[in-house]
Amino acid sequence: MKYYSGYGYDEVYPLSWWYEIAYNNQEEIILEEQKRDIGSGVMWCKLYDDFVDSGDGVCGKDCLDYRPCNGKSGRCRELGNTFIGTDRFVKITPYGAVIRVTNDNR
């Protein structure tokens, strides 16, 4: 599944979510396709709605809300992915049309 972020929005969601925003606001939205940011050492904590650095000791057994996926140790269930932009853009119209755009005509 591909994820997108829009200018003026902090959220990263699938295209279906952005369809609803464009339709409800009756405006065109330009979105940038996102990809998972692998190896950066930064993760998203879904519980605290904040970024955490995996090497700083805040995320893990020192956290009171730490819940490992396997029940003993390892990755916390509350960690989510972070994303970075790909420089590929699309425009969604309020009527549901998706148009690929370039940097020149954004």
N, C-alpha and C. Protein backbone atom coordinates (compact mmCIF):
# COMPACT_ATOMS: atom_id res chain seq x y z
N MET A 1 0.84 -1.17 0.00
CA MET A 1 0.00 0.00 0.00
C MET A 1 0.89 1.24 0.00
N LYS A 2 0.52 2.21 -0.81
CA LYS A 2 1.28 3.46 -0.87
C LYS A 2 0.68 4.47 0.10
N TYR A 3 1.56 5.29 0.65
CA TYR A 3 1.14 6.33 1.58
C TYR A 3 1.54 7.69 1.02
N TYR A 4 0.76 8.71 1.40
CA TYR A 4 0.96 10.06 0.88
C TYR A 4 0.85 11.07 2.00
N SER A 5 1.54 12.20 1.83
CA SER A 5 1.38 13.33 2.73
C SER A 5 1.06 14.55 1.88
N GLY A 6 0.29 15.46 2.45
CA GLY A 6 -0.12 16.65 1.72
C GLY A 6 0.52 17.90 2.27
N TYR A 7 0.63 18.91 1.42
CA TYR A 7 1.17 20.19 1.87
C TYR A 7 0.19 20.82 2.85
N GLY A 8 0.71 21.24 3.99
CA GLY A 8 -0.13 21.81 5.02
C GLY A 8 -0.72 20.78 5.96
N TYR A 9 -0.42 19.51 5.73
CA TYR A 9 -0.91 18.43 6.59
C TYR A 9 0.29 17.67 7.13
N ASP A 10 0.22 17.22 8.36
CA ASP A 10 1.31 16.43 8.95
C ASP A 10 1.06 14.93 8.81
N GLU A 11 -0.13 14.55 8.41
CA GLU A 11 -0.51 13.15 8.38
C GLU A 11 0.04 12.41 7.17
N VAL A 12 0.28 11.13 7.33
CA VAL A 12 0.66 10.23 6.25
C VAL A 12 -0.40 9.14 6.21
N TYR A 13 -1.16 9.11 5.10
CA TYR A 13 -2.28 8.18 4.98
C TYR A 13 -2.34 7.60 3.57
N PRO A 14 -3.10 6.51 3.40
CA PRO A 14 -3.32 5.98 2.05
C PRO A 14 -4.16 6.96 1.22
N LEU A 15 -4.14 6.75 -0.08
CA LEU A 15 -4.84 7.63 -1.01
C LEU A 15 -6.34 7.70 -0.70
N SER A 16 -6.93 6.62 -0.25
CA SER A 16 -8.37 6.62 0.04
C SER A 16 -8.74 7.65 1.11
N TRP A 17 -7.87 7.85 2.08
CA TRP A 17 -8.13 8.84 3.13
C TRP A 17 -8.13 10.24 2.54
N TRP A 18 -7.21 10.50 1.62
CA TRP A 18 -7.09 11.82 1.01
C TRP A 18 -8.25 12.12 0.08
N TYR A 19 -8.84 11.09 -0.56
CA TYR A 19 -10.04 11.30 -1.36
C TYR A 19 -11.12 11.99 -0.53
N GLU A 20 -11.34 11.47 0.67
CA GLU A 20 -12.38 12.03 1.53
C GLU A 20 -12.08 13.47 1.93
N ILE A 21 -10.83 13.77 2.21
CA ILE A 21 -10.45 15.14 2.59
C ILE A 21 -10.71 16.09 1.42
N ALA A 22 -10.29 15.71 0.22
CA ALA A 22 -10.51 16.56 -0.96
C ALA A 22 -12.00 16.76 -1.21
N TYR A 23 -12.78 15.70 -1.08
CA TYR A 23 -14.22 15.78 -1.32
C TYR A 23 -14.91 16.64 -0.25
N ASN A 24 -14.60 16.39 1.02
CA ASN A 24 -15.24 17.13 2.11
C ASN A 24 -14.89 18.62 2.09
N ASN A 25 -13.65 18.94 1.73
CA ASN A 25 -13.21 20.34 1.70
C ASN A 25 -13.47 21.00 0.35
N GLN A 26 -13.88 20.22 -0.64
CA GLN A 26 -14.11 20.71 -2.01
C GLN A 26 -12.92 21.52 -2.51
N GLU A 27 -11.73 20.90 -2.40
CA GLU A 27 -10.52 21.55 -2.87
C GLU A 27 -9.56 20.50 -3.43
N GLU A 28 -8.70 20.95 -4.33
CA GLU A 28 -7.65 20.06 -4.83
C GLU A 28 -6.55 19.97 -3.79
N ILE A 29 -5.97 18.79 -3.67
CA ILE A 29 -4.88 18.59 -2.72
C ILE A 29 -3.71 17.97 -3.48
N ILE A 30 -2.53 18.55 -3.32
CA ILE A 30 -1.32 17.98 -3.91
C ILE A 30 -0.64 17.14 -2.84
N LEU A 31 -0.34 15.89 -3.20
CA LEU A 31 0.23 14.93 -2.26
C LEU A 31 1.59 14.45 -2.75
N GLU A 32 2.46 14.16 -1.81
CA GLU A 32 3.75 13.55 -2.13
C GLU A 32 3.73 12.10 -1.66
N GLU A 33 4.11 11.20 -2.56
CA GLU A 33 4.20 9.79 -2.19
C GLU A 33 5.31 9.61 -1.17
N GLN A 34 5.07 8.77 -0.18
CA GLN A 34 6.02 8.53 0.90
C GLN A 34 6.52 7.09 0.85
N LYS A 35 7.71 6.88 1.40
CA LYS A 35 8.22 5.51 1.57
C LYS A 35 8.71 5.37 3.00
N ARG A 36 8.75 4.13 3.47
CA ARG A 36 9.21 3.89 4.84
C ARG A 36 10.65 4.34 5.00
N ASP A 37 10.92 4.96 6.11
CA ASP A 37 12.27 5.41 6.45
C ASP A 37 12.92 4.30 7.27
N ILE A 38 13.72 3.50 6.58
CA ILE A 38 14.33 2.33 7.22
C ILE A 38 15.76 2.66 7.63
N GLY A 39 16.11 2.32 8.86
CA GLY A 39 17.49 2.48 9.32
C GLY A 39 17.82 3.83 9.90
N SER A 40 16.85 4.70 10.06
CA SER A 40 17.15 6.04 10.59
C SER A 40 17.30 6.03 12.10
N GLY A 41 16.77 5.00 12.77
CA GLY A 41 16.85 4.93 14.23
C GLY A 41 15.74 5.70 14.91
N VAL A 42 14.86 6.32 14.13
CA VAL A 42 13.73 7.07 14.68
C VAL A 42 12.45 6.32 14.34
N MET A 43 11.59 6.17 15.34
CA MET A 43 10.31 5.49 15.14
C MET A 43 9.19 6.39 15.68
N TRP A 44 7.96 6.05 15.33
CA TRP A 44 6.80 6.79 15.80
C TRP A 44 6.12 6.00 16.91
N CYS A 45 5.93 6.63 18.06
CA CYS A 45 5.22 5.99 19.17
C CYS A 45 3.75 6.34 19.04
N LYS A 46 2.92 5.33 18.75
CA LYS A 46 1.49 5.55 18.56
C LYS A 46 0.80 5.91 19.87
N LEU A 47 1.34 5.46 20.98
CA LEU A 47 0.75 5.73 22.28
C LEU A 47 0.92 7.20 22.68
N TYR A 48 2.13 7.73 22.49
CA TYR A 48 2.42 9.11 22.89
C TYR A 48 2.32 10.11 21.75
N ASP A 49 2.04 9.65 20.52
CA ASP A 49 1.95 10.52 19.35
C ASP A 49 3.19 11.39 19.20
N ASP A 50 4.35 10.73 19.25
CA ASP A 50 5.60 11.47 19.18
C ASP A 50 6.69 10.56 18.60
N PHE A 51 7.75 11.19 18.10
CA PHE A 51 8.89 10.45 17.60
C PHE A 51 9.77 10.02 18.76
N VAL A 52 10.35 8.83 18.67
CA VAL A 52 11.29 8.35 19.67
C VAL A 52 12.54 7.85 18.97
N ASP A 53 13.67 8.06 19.61
CA ASP A 53 14.95 7.59 19.10
C ASP A 53 15.20 6.22 19.71
N SER A 54 15.36 5.22 18.88
CA SER A 54 15.51 3.86 19.39
C SER A 54 16.79 3.66 20.20
N GLY A 55 17.77 4.53 20.05
CA GLY A 55 19.02 4.36 20.77
C GLY A 55 19.14 5.18 22.04
N ASP A 56 18.13 5.98 22.39
CA ASP A 56 18.27 6.85 23.56
C ASP A 56 17.80 6.23 24.87
N GLY A 57 17.28 5.01 24.85
CA GLY A 57 16.86 4.34 26.07
C GLY A 57 15.47 4.71 26.54
N VAL A 58 14.83 5.70 25.91
CA VAL A 58 13.48 6.10 26.30
C VAL A 58 12.48 5.02 25.88
N CYS A 59 12.70 4.47 24.71
CA CYS A 59 11.81 3.42 24.21
C CYS A 59 12.43 2.06 24.57
N GLY A 60 11.70 1.28 25.29
CA GLY A 60 12.19 -0.03 25.70
C GLY A 60 11.79 -0.30 27.13
N LYS A 61 12.57 -1.10 27.80
CA LYS A 61 12.22 -1.51 29.17
C LYS A 61 12.14 -0.34 30.14
N ASP A 62 12.77 0.80 29.83
CA ASP A 62 12.69 1.97 30.70
C ASP A 62 11.34 2.68 30.60
N CYS A 63 10.57 2.39 29.57
CA CYS A 63 9.26 3.02 29.37
C CYS A 63 8.21 2.24 30.17
N LEU A 64 7.38 2.94 30.91
CA LEU A 64 6.35 2.29 31.73
C LEU A 64 5.29 1.62 30.87
N ASP A 65 5.11 2.08 29.63
CA ASP A 65 4.09 1.52 28.74
C ASP A 65 4.65 0.54 27.72
N TYR A 66 5.87 0.09 27.92
CA TYR A 66 6.53 -0.84 27.00
C TYR A 66 5.78 -2.17 26.97
N ARG A 67 5.37 -2.59 25.77
CA ARG A 67 4.67 -3.87 25.58
C ARG A 67 5.30 -4.58 24.39
N PRO A 68 6.24 -5.49 24.62
CA PRO A 68 6.90 -6.16 23.51
C PRO A 68 5.94 -7.04 22.72
N CYS A 69 6.18 -7.14 21.43
CA CYS A 69 5.31 -7.92 20.53
C CYS A 69 5.24 -9.39 20.93
N ASN A 70 6.37 -9.95 21.36
CA ASN A 70 6.38 -11.37 21.71
C ASN A 70 6.09 -11.62 23.19
N GLY A 71 5.82 -10.57 23.96
CA GLY A 71 5.48 -10.72 25.37
C GLY A 71 6.67 -10.75 26.31
N LYS A 72 7.91 -10.82 25.77
CA LYS A 72 9.10 -10.89 26.63
C LYS A 72 10.07 -9.74 26.39
N SER A 73 10.48 -9.56 25.15
CA SER A 73 11.46 -8.52 24.83
C SER A 73 11.34 -8.18 23.35
N GLY A 74 12.03 -7.14 22.95
CA GLY A 74 12.04 -6.76 21.53
C GLY A 74 11.21 -5.54 21.24
N ARG A 75 10.78 -5.45 20.02
CA ARG A 75 10.05 -4.29 19.51
C ARG A 75 8.72 -4.11 20.25
N CYS A 76 8.44 -2.88 20.61
CA CYS A 76 7.20 -2.54 21.31
C CYS A 76 6.02 -2.54 20.33
N ARG A 77 4.88 -2.96 20.80
CA ARG A 77 3.66 -2.98 19.97
C ARG A 77 3.23 -1.59 19.56
N GLU A 78 3.64 -0.57 20.28
CA GLU A 78 3.19 0.80 20.02
C GLU A 78 4.05 1.54 19.00
N LEU A 79 5.13 0.91 18.52
CA LEU A 79 5.99 1.59 17.56
C LEU A 79 5.41 1.51 16.16
N GLY A 80 5.42 2.63 15.48
CA GLY A 80 4.97 2.71 14.10
C GLY A 80 6.12 3.14 13.21
N ASN A 81 5.89 3.11 11.92
CA ASN A 81 6.92 3.48 10.95
C ASN A 81 7.00 4.99 10.79
N THR A 82 8.16 5.45 10.34
CA THR A 82 8.32 6.83 9.90
C THR A 82 8.50 6.80 8.40
N PHE A 83 8.24 7.93 7.76
CA PHE A 83 8.25 8.00 6.30
C PHE A 83 9.07 9.18 5.82
N ILE A 84 9.58 9.06 4.59
CA ILE A 84 10.27 10.17 3.93
C ILE A 84 9.68 10.32 2.53
N GLY A 85 9.78 11.52 1.98
CA GLY A 85 9.22 11.81 0.68
C GLY A 85 10.01 11.19 -0.46
N THR A 86 9.33 10.95 -1.59
CA THR A 86 9.95 10.33 -2.76
C THR A 86 10.09 11.29 -3.93
N ASP A 87 9.62 12.54 -3.80
CA ASP A 87 9.61 13.53 -4.89
C ASP A 87 8.70 13.10 -6.05
N ARG A 88 7.72 12.24 -5.78
CA ARG A 88 6.67 11.91 -6.76
C ARG A 88 5.37 12.49 -6.23
N PHE A 89 4.69 13.26 -7.06
CA PHE A 89 3.53 14.01 -6.61
C PHE A 89 2.29 13.64 -7.42
N VAL A 90 1.14 13.71 -6.75
CA VAL A 90 -0.15 13.55 -7.41
C VAL A 90 -1.07 14.65 -6.89
N LYS A 91 -2.07 14.97 -7.72
CA LYS A 91 -3.09 15.94 -7.33
C LYS A 91 -4.43 15.21 -7.31
N ILE A 92 -5.19 15.39 -6.23
CA ILE A 92 -6.53 14.82 -6.13
C ILE A 92 -7.53 15.96 -6.23
N THR A 93 -8.50 15.80 -7.13
CA THR A 93 -9.55 16.80 -7.26
C THR A 93 -10.70 16.44 -6.32
N PRO A 94 -11.59 17.38 -6.04
CA PRO A 94 -12.73 17.09 -5.17
C PRO A 94 -13.65 16.00 -5.75
N TYR A 95 -13.51 15.71 -7.04
CA TYR A 95 -14.37 14.72 -7.69
C TYR A 95 -13.71 13.36 -7.80
N GLY A 96 -12.51 13.22 -7.20
CA GLY A 96 -11.87 11.91 -7.12
C GLY A 96 -10.86 11.61 -8.20
N ALA A 97 -10.58 12.56 -9.10
CA ALA A 97 -9.58 12.33 -10.14
C ALA A 97 -8.19 12.44 -9.53
N VAL A 98 -7.30 11.54 -9.94
CA VAL A 98 -5.91 11.56 -9.49
C VAL A 98 -5.05 11.87 -10.70
N ILE A 99 -4.26 12.94 -10.61
CA ILE A 99 -3.42 13.40 -11.71
C ILE A 99 -1.98 13.46 -11.23
N ARG A 100 -1.09 12.77 -11.95
CA ARG A 100 0.32 12.83 -11.59
C ARG A 100 0.86 14.19 -12.01
N VAL A 101 1.59 14.86 -11.12
CA VAL A 101 2.15 16.18 -11.41
C VAL A 101 3.65 16.14 -11.20
N THR A 102 4.34 17.07 -11.84
CA THR A 102 5.79 17.18 -11.69
C THR A 102 6.10 18.37 -10.81
N ASN A 103 7.36 18.52 -10.46
CA ASN A 103 7.78 19.65 -9.64
C ASN A 103 7.51 20.96 -10.34
N ASP A 104 7.51 20.97 -11.68
CA ASP A 104 7.33 22.21 -12.43
C ASP A 104 5.92 22.75 -12.37
N ASN A 105 4.90 21.86 -12.29
CA ASN A 105 3.54 22.36 -12.34
C ASN A 105 2.77 22.10 -11.05
N ARG A 106 3.45 22.17 -9.92
CA ARG A 106 2.76 22.04 -8.63
C ARG A 106 2.19 23.35 -8.33
